Amino acid sequence: MNDKELQILRRYFPAAAVPLVAEAYENSRFQLKFKKPRNSKLGDFRPPRDDDGICCITLNGNLNPYQMLVTFVHEFAHYAVYMLAPKKYVEPHGDLWKLTFTQLLQPYLKPEIFPEDILAALHQHLHHIKASSTADANLAKVMKRYDSNPSGEKPLTVDDLPEGSVFKLANGMTFKKGPKRRTRYQCECLDNGRSYTVSGMAEII
């Protein structure tokens, strides 16, 4: 890996994790792309379109370094599972993927890479792995502590608002916050009068 590529990795990942990410990249056959923020996902894995093509991992470029690393390992696990059986259907987040994700994450679970609170949340996450780190409310909440907007302030989320508050999300829809249902809130959309469940980790604009 050349200096330019290493500089790109240093821009997005925790410094102590860069050698491991670089090794994974060099020893595999996939493209790694950083994309504009997508509301529907943090990253994805794309198999090749033809037999001669290569796989692609995309990551949202606005993620904090720790979320970026976990998302990379998540998608790299999809790549590893795909390479085991490229012609067969494998359940996307089934037992094989969970085992692979757990194994691939282990080398990164060090205090020099992750802060103590994220390490604790990750160890807990590995006991009950979900399809996305954002689906794990505790892990998502801890990760959010390390987000920042251009002013350096922490973003405001639905969790931060009192019940009855009116707020707008990045999709442009305006809601009135209602009661909490486990990890999501029952909210009324003031644009169309419909009821939606909104994640407590959703950022307010």
C-alpha atoms as a PDB file:
ATOM      1  CA  MET A   1       0.000   0.000   0.000  1.00  0.00           C
ATOM      2  CA  ASN A   2       1.446   3.364  -1.027  1.00  0.00           C
ATOM      3  CA  ASP A   3       1.714   6.505   1.129  1.00  0.00           C
ATOM      4  CA  LYS A   4      -1.312   8.160  -0.481  1.00  0.00           C
ATOM      5  CA  GLU A   5      -3.522   5.175   0.320  1.00  0.00           C
ATOM      6  CA  LEU A   6      -2.233   5.060   3.895  1.00  0.00           C
ATOM      7  CA  GLN A   7      -3.001   8.764   4.303  1.00  0.00           C
ATOM      8  CA  ILE A   8      -6.578   8.099   3.234  1.00  0.00           C
ATOM      9  CA  LEU A   9      -6.915   5.328   5.823  1.00  0.00           C
ATOM     10  CA  ARG A  10      -5.447   7.585   8.531  1.00  0.00           C
ATOM     11  CA  ARG A  11      -8.076  10.193   7.689  1.00  0.00           C
ATOM     12  CA  TYR A  12     -10.955   7.805   8.375  1.00  0.00           C
ATOM     13  CA  PHE A  13      -9.798   5.179  10.906  1.00  0.00           C
ATOM     14  CA  PRO A  14      -8.271   5.263  14.411  1.00  0.00           C
ATOM     15  CA  ALA A  15      -4.506   5.602  13.979  1.00  0.00           C
ATOM     16  CA  ALA A  16      -3.672   2.368  15.815  1.00  0.00           C
ATOM     17  CA  ALA A  17      -6.080   0.417  13.581  1.00  0.00           C
ATOM     18  CA  VAL A  18      -4.633   1.581  10.258  1.00  0.00           C
ATOM     19  CA  PRO A  19      -1.966  -1.183   9.957  1.00  0.00           C
ATOM     20  CA  LEU A  20      -4.634  -3.865  10.494  1.00  0.00           C
ATOM     21  CA  VAL A  21      -7.034  -2.284   8.003  1.00  0.00           C
ATOM     22  CA  ALA A  22      -4.209  -1.915   5.478  1.00  0.00           C
ATOM     23  CA  GLU A  23      -3.245  -5.574   5.914  1.00  0.00           C
ATOM     24  CA  ALA A  24      -6.847  -6.706   5.405  1.00  0.00           C
ATOM     25  CA  TYR A  25      -7.070  -4.586   2.269  1.00  0.00           C
ATOM     26  CA  GLU A  26      -3.770  -5.754   0.783  1.00  0.00           C
ATOM     27  CA  ASN A  27      -4.447  -9.445   1.429  1.00  0.00           C
ATOM     28  CA  SER A  28      -7.909  -9.351  -0.156  1.00  0.00           C
ATOM     29  CA  ARG A  29      -9.467  -8.488  -3.492  1.00  0.00           C
ATOM     30  CA  PHE A  30     -11.980  -5.676  -3.165  1.00  0.00           C
ATOM     31  CA  GLN A  31     -12.365  -1.969  -3.762  1.00  0.00           C
ATOM     32  CA  LEU A  32     -12.786   0.329  -0.770  1.00  0.00           C
ATOM     33  CA  LYS A  33     -14.789   3.504  -1.383  1.00  0.00           C
ATOM     34  CA  PHE A  34     -15.877   6.309   0.927  1.00  0.00           C
ATOM     35  CA  LYS A  35     -19.269   7.725  -0.019  1.00  0.00           C
ATOM     36  CA  LYS A  36     -21.416  10.737   0.742  1.00  0.00           C
ATOM     37  CA  PRO A  37     -23.697  10.145   3.775  1.00  0.00           C
ATOM     38  CA  ARG A  38     -26.606   7.794   3.137  1.00  0.00           C
ATOM     39  CA  ASN A  39     -29.547   7.839   5.547  1.00  0.00           C
ATOM     40  CA  SER A  40     -30.462   4.208   4.908  1.00  0.00           C
ATOM     41  CA  LYS A  41     -27.083   2.615   5.710  1.00  0.00           C
ATOM     42  CA  LEU A  42     -23.604   3.190   7.087  1.00  0.00           C
ATOM     43  CA  GLY A  43     -21.920   1.013   4.484  1.00  0.00           C
ATOM     44  CA  ASP A  44     -22.450  -1.965   2.238  1.00  0.00           C
ATOM     45  CA  PHE A  45     -20.777  -4.901   0.505  1.00  0.00           C
ATOM     46  CA  ARG A  46     -21.265  -5.439  -3.206  1.00  0.00           C
ATOM     47  CA  PRO A  47     -20.267  -8.674  -4.951  1.00  0.00           C
ATOM     48  CA  PRO A  48     -18.742  -8.418  -8.440  1.00  0.00           C
ATOM     49  CA  ARG A  49     -21.119  -7.890 -11.334  1.00  0.00           C
ATOM     50  CA  ASP A  50     -19.335 -10.502 -13.437  1.00  0.00           C
ATOM     51  CA  ASP A  51     -16.847 -13.330 -12.977  1.00  0.00           C
ATOM     52  CA  ASP A  52     -13.889 -11.087 -13.802  1.00  0.00           C
ATOM     53  CA  GLY A  53     -14.907  -8.223 -11.522  1.00  0.00           C
ATOM     54  CA  ILE A  54     -13.924  -7.582  -7.929  1.00  0.00           C
ATOM     55  CA  CYS A  55     -15.988  -6.961  -4.817  1.00  0.00           C
ATOM     56  CA  CYS A  56     -16.589  -3.507  -3.425  1.00  0.00           C
ATOM     57  CA  ILE A  57     -17.002  -2.211   0.133  1.00  0.00           C
ATOM     58  CA  THR A  58     -18.477   1.267   0.524  1.00  0.00           C
ATOM     59  CA  LEU A  59     -18.515   3.300   3.739  1.00  0.00           C
ATOM     60  CA  ASN A  60     -20.209   6.593   4.593  1.00  0.00           C
ATOM     61  CA  GLY A  61     -17.459   9.189   4.724  1.00  0.00           C
ATOM     62  CA  ASN A  62     -19.001  11.141   7.616  1.00  0.00           C
ATOM     63  CA  LEU A  63     -18.703   8.381  10.249  1.00  0.00           C
ATOM     64  CA  ASN A  64     -16.548   8.957  13.303  1.00  0.00           C
ATOM     65  CA  PRO A  65     -13.346   6.819  13.270  1.00  0.00           C
ATOM     66  CA  TYR A  66     -14.705   4.181  15.667  1.00  0.00           C
ATOM     67  CA  GLN A  67     -18.004   3.772  13.840  1.00  0.00           C
ATOM     68  CA  MET A  68     -16.062   3.680  10.583  1.00  0.00           C
ATOM     69  CA  LEU A  69     -13.891   0.832  11.852  1.00  0.00           C
ATOM     70  CA  VAL A  70     -16.797  -1.271  13.141  1.00  0.00           C
ATOM     71  CA  THR A  71     -18.702  -0.695   9.898  1.00  0.00           C
ATOM     72  CA  PHE A  72     -15.641  -1.696   7.877  1.00  0.00           C
ATOM     73  CA  VAL A  73     -15.269  -4.958   9.832  1.00  0.00           C
ATOM     74  CA  HIS A  74     -19.023  -5.578   9.424  1.00  0.00           C
ATOM     75  CA  GLU A  75     -18.780  -5.249   5.628  1.00  0.00           C
ATOM     76  CA  PHE A  76     -15.446  -7.066   5.453  1.00  0.00           C
ATOM     77  CA  ALA A  77     -17.155 -10.004   7.184  1.00  0.00           C
ATOM     78  CA  HIS A  78     -19.692 -10.038   4.329  1.00  0.00           C
ATOM     79  CA  TYR A  79     -16.788 -10.119   1.891  1.00  0.00           C
ATOM     80  CA  ALA A  80     -15.094 -12.987   3.755  1.00  0.00           C
ATOM     81  CA  VAL A  81     -18.305 -15.033   3.835  1.00  0.00           C
ATOM     82  CA  TYR A  82     -18.909 -14.371   0.144  1.00  0.00           C
ATOM     83  CA  MET A  83     -15.400 -15.578  -0.736  1.00  0.00           C
ATOM     84  CA  LEU A  84     -16.052 -18.874   1.059  1.00  0.00           C
ATOM     85  CA  ALA A  85     -19.010 -19.660  -1.188  1.00  0.00           C
ATOM     86  CA  PRO A  86     -19.320 -17.064  -3.988  1.00  0.00           C
ATOM     87  CA  LYS A  87     -21.856 -19.087  -5.966  1.00  0.00           C
ATOM     88  CA  LYS A  88     -24.125 -20.013  -3.068  1.00  0.00           C
ATOM     89  CA  TYR A  89     -26.754 -18.060  -1.180  1.00  0.00           C
ATOM     90  CA  VAL A  90     -25.765 -17.471   2.427  1.00  0.00           C
ATOM     91  CA  GLU A  91     -28.043 -15.776   4.925  1.00  0.00           C
ATOM     92  CA  PRO A  92     -26.696 -12.182   5.095  1.00  0.00           C
ATOM     93  CA  HIS A  93     -26.497 -11.960   8.886  1.00  0.00           C
ATOM     94  CA  GLY A  94     -26.741 -15.631   9.741  1.00  0.00           C
ATOM     95  CA  ASP A  95     -24.559 -17.773  11.980  1.00  0.00           C
ATOM     96  CA  LEU A  96     -21.634 -17.917   9.545  1.00  0.00           C
ATOM     97  CA  TRP A  97     -21.541 -14.130   9.190  1.00  0.00           C
ATOM     98  CA  LYS A  98     -21.836 -13.633  12.968  1.00  0.00           C
ATOM     99  CA  LEU A  99     -18.941 -16.022  13.598  1.00  0.00           C
ATOM    100  CA  THR A 100     -16.826 -14.359  10.905  1.00  0.00           C
ATOM    101  CA  PHE A 101     -17.596 -10.849  12.187  1.00  0.00           C
ATOM    102  CA  THR A 102     -16.671 -11.877  15.733  1.00  0.00           C
ATOM    103  CA  GLN A 103     -13.370 -13.378  14.605  1.00  0.00           C
ATOM    104  CA  LEU A 104     -12.438 -10.411  12.410  1.00  0.00           C
ATOM    105  CA  LEU A 105     -13.245  -7.886  15.137  1.00  0.00           C
ATOM    106  CA  GLN A 106     -11.075  -9.550  17.798  1.00  0.00           C
ATOM    107  CA  PRO A 107      -7.705  -8.037  16.724  1.00  0.00           C
ATOM    108  CA  TYR A 108      -9.209  -4.546  16.992  1.00  0.00           C
ATOM    109  CA  LEU A 109     -10.581  -4.929  20.520  1.00  0.00           C
ATOM    110  CA  LYS A 110      -7.693  -3.117  22.179  1.00  0.00           C
ATOM    111  CA  PRO A 111      -7.617   0.002  24.384  1.00  0.00           C
ATOM    112  CA  GLU A 112      -5.157   1.662  22.027  1.00  0.00           C
ATOM    113  CA  ILE A 113      -7.799   1.456  19.265  1.00  0.00           C
ATOM    114  CA  PHE A 114     -11.156   1.932  21.027  1.00  0.00           C
ATOM    115  CA  PRO A 115     -12.045   4.057  24.074  1.00  0.00           C
ATOM    116  CA  GLU A 116     -13.036   2.094  27.175  1.00  0.00           C
ATOM    117  CA  ASP A 117     -16.782   2.767  26.825  1.00  0.00           C
ATOM    118  CA  ILE A 118     -16.879   1.572  23.210  1.00  0.00           C
ATOM    119  CA  LEU A 119     -14.839  -1.522  24.082  1.00  0.00           C
ATOM    120  CA  ALA A 120     -17.346  -2.449  26.799  1.00  0.00           C
ATOM    121  CA  ALA A 121     -20.275  -1.885  24.430  1.00  0.00           C
ATOM    122  CA  LEU A 122     -18.619  -3.970  21.699  1.00  0.00           C
ATOM    123  CA  HIS A 123     -17.980  -6.903  24.036  1.00  0.00           C
ATOM    124  CA  GLN A 124     -21.646  -6.777  25.013  1.00  0.00           C
ATOM    125  CA  HIS A 125     -22.666  -6.456  21.352  1.00  0.00           C
ATOM    126  CA  LEU A 126     -20.802  -9.654  20.449  1.00  0.00           C
ATOM    127  CA  HIS A 127     -23.013 -11.647  22.824  1.00  0.00           C
ATOM    128  CA  HIS A 128     -26.124 -10.650  20.862  1.00  0.00           C
ATOM    129  CA  ILE A 129     -24.992  -9.532  17.411  1.00  0.00           C
ATOM    130  CA  LYS A 130     -27.566  -7.639  15.391  1.00  0.00           C
ATOM    131  CA  ALA A 131     -27.698  -6.980  11.656  1.00  0.00           C
ATOM    132  CA  SER A 132     -26.350  -3.466  12.197  1.00  0.00           C
ATOM    133  CA  SER A 133     -24.452  -1.720  14.963  1.00  0.00           C
ATOM    134  CA  THR A 134     -27.149   0.964  14.879  1.00  0.00           C
ATOM    135  CA  ALA A 135     -29.743  -1.696  15.752  1.00  0.00           C
ATOM    136  CA  ASP A 136     -27.919  -2.216  19.059  1.00  0.00           C
ATOM    137  CA  ALA A 137     -29.275   0.752  21.030  1.00  0.00           C
ATOM    138  CA  ASN A 138     -26.528   0.671  23.667  1.00  0.00           C
ATOM    139  CA  LEU A 139     -23.676   0.477  21.145  1.00  0.00           C
ATOM    140  CA  ALA A 140     -25.259   3.148  18.947  1.00  0.00           C
ATOM    141  CA  LYS A 141     -25.646   5.479  21.930  1.00  0.00           C
ATOM    142  CA  VAL A 142     -22.019   5.043  22.968  1.00  0.00           C
ATOM    143  CA  MET A 143     -20.817   5.557  19.382  1.00  0.00           C
ATOM    144  CA  LYS A 144     -22.795   8.809  19.146  1.00  0.00           C
ATOM    145  CA  ARG A 145     -20.668  10.300  21.911  1.00  0.00           C
ATOM    146  CA  TYR A 146     -17.821  10.539  19.426  1.00  0.00           C
ATOM    147  CA  ASP A 147     -19.786  12.203  16.644  1.00  0.00           C
ATOM    148  CA  SER A 148     -19.408  15.906  16.059  1.00  0.00           C
ATOM    149  CA  ASN A 149     -20.789  18.476  13.668  1.00  0.00           C
ATOM    150  CA  PRO A 150     -18.638  21.152  11.950  1.00  0.00           C
ATOM    151  CA  SER A 151     -18.810  23.387  15.052  1.00  0.00           C
ATOM    152  CA  GLY A 152     -17.393  20.570  17.174  1.00  0.00           C
ATOM    153  CA  GLU A 153     -20.607  20.155  19.166  1.00  0.00           C
ATOM    154  CA  LYS A 154     -22.311  16.815  19.745  1.00  0.00           C
ATOM    155  CA  PRO A 155     -25.392  16.326  17.514  1.00  0.00           C
ATOM    156  CA  LEU A 156     -28.845  16.555  19.086  1.00  0.00           C
ATOM    157  CA  THR A 157     -30.881  13.340  18.891  1.00  0.00           C
ATOM    158  CA  VAL A 158     -34.512  12.390  19.493  1.00  0.00           C
ATOM    159  CA  ASP A 159     -33.446  10.883  22.834  1.00  0.00           C
ATOM    160  CA  ASP A 160     -32.400  14.368  23.983  1.00  0.00           C
ATOM    161  CA  LEU A 161     -35.857  15.909  23.458  1.00  0.00           C
ATOM    162  CA  PRO A 162     -38.725  15.917  25.972  1.00  0.00           C
ATOM    163  CA  GLU A 163     -41.967  14.209  24.966  1.00  0.00           C
ATOM    164  CA  GLY A 164     -44.205  16.528  22.967  1.00  0.00           C
ATOM    165  CA  SER A 165     -41.286  18.283  21.243  1.00  0.00           C
ATOM    166  CA  VAL A 166     -41.531  19.105  17.550  1.00  0.00           C
ATOM    167  CA  PHE A 167     -38.449  18.261  15.482  1.00  0.00           C
ATOM    168  CA  LYS A 168     -37.269  17.760  11.917  1.00  0.00           C
ATOM    169  CA  LEU A 169     -35.103  14.914  10.567  1.00  0.00           C
ATOM    170  CA  ALA A 170     -32.592  14.894   7.728  1.00  0.00           C
ATOM    171  CA  ASN A 171     -35.276  13.531   5.370  1.00  0.00           C
ATOM    172  CA  GLY A 172     -37.144  16.832   5.772  1.00  0.00           C
ATOM    173  CA  MET A 173     -40.102  15.369   7.683  1.00  0.00           C
ATOM    174  CA  THR A 174     -41.371  17.111  10.836  1.00  0.00           C
ATOM    175  CA  PHE A 175     -42.540  15.098  13.844  1.00  0.00           C
ATOM    176  CA  LYS A 176     -44.028  15.479  17.285  1.00  0.00           C
ATOM    177  CA  LYS A 177     -42.303  13.212  19.788  1.00  0.00           C
ATOM    178  CA  GLY A 178     -44.515  10.672  21.534  1.00  0.00           C
ATOM    179  CA  PRO A 179     -43.992   7.888  24.094  1.00  0.00           C
ATOM    180  CA  LYS A 180     -41.075   5.484  23.922  1.00  0.00           C
ATOM    181  CA  ARG A 181     -41.643   1.929  22.632  1.00  0.00           C
ATOM    182  CA  ARG A 182     -38.516  -0.009  23.678  1.00  0.00           C
ATOM    183  CA  THR A 183     -35.744   1.649  21.609  1.00  0.00           C
ATOM    184  CA  ARG A 184     -37.970   3.789  19.359  1.00  0.00           C
ATOM    185  CA  TYR A 185     -40.501   6.557  19.873  1.00  0.00           C
ATOM    186  CA  GLN A 186     -44.055   6.662  18.590  1.00  0.00           C
ATOM    187  CA  CYS A 187     -44.162   9.993  16.759  1.00  0.00           C
ATOM    188  CA  GLU A 188     -46.787  11.848  14.780  1.00  0.00           C
ATOM    189  CA  CYS A 189     -45.647  13.203  11.420  1.00  0.00           C
ATOM    190  CA  LEU A 190     -46.976  16.754  11.155  1.00  0.00           C
ATOM    191  CA  ASP A 191     -46.589  16.675   7.373  1.00  0.00           C
ATOM    192  CA  ASN A 192     -49.132  13.934   6.728  1.00  0.00           C
ATOM    193  CA  GLY A 193     -50.723  13.130  10.102  1.00  0.00           C
ATOM    194  CA  ARG A 194     -49.424   9.553  10.123  1.00  0.00           C
ATOM    195  CA  SER A 195     -47.792   7.756  13.030  1.00  0.00           C
ATOM    196  CA  TYR A 196     -44.189   6.523  12.781  1.00  0.00           C
ATOM    197  CA  THR A 197     -41.680   4.902  15.105  1.00  0.00           C
ATOM    198  CA  VAL A 198     -38.462   6.928  15.173  1.00  0.00           C
ATOM    199  CA  SER A 199     -35.109   5.793  16.556  1.00  0.00           C
ATOM    200  CA  GLY A 200     -33.952   7.621  19.644  1.00  0.00           C
ATOM    201  CA  MET A 201     -30.544   7.963  17.980  1.00  0.00           C
ATOM    202  CA  ALA A 202     -31.928   9.833  14.945  1.00  0.00           C
ATOM    203  CA  GLU A 203     -30.211  13.214  14.641  1.00  0.00           C
ATOM    204  CA  ILE A 204     -32.209  16.451  14.688  1.00  0.00           C
ATOM    205  CA  ILE A 205     -31.585  19.182  12.132  1.00  0.00           C
END
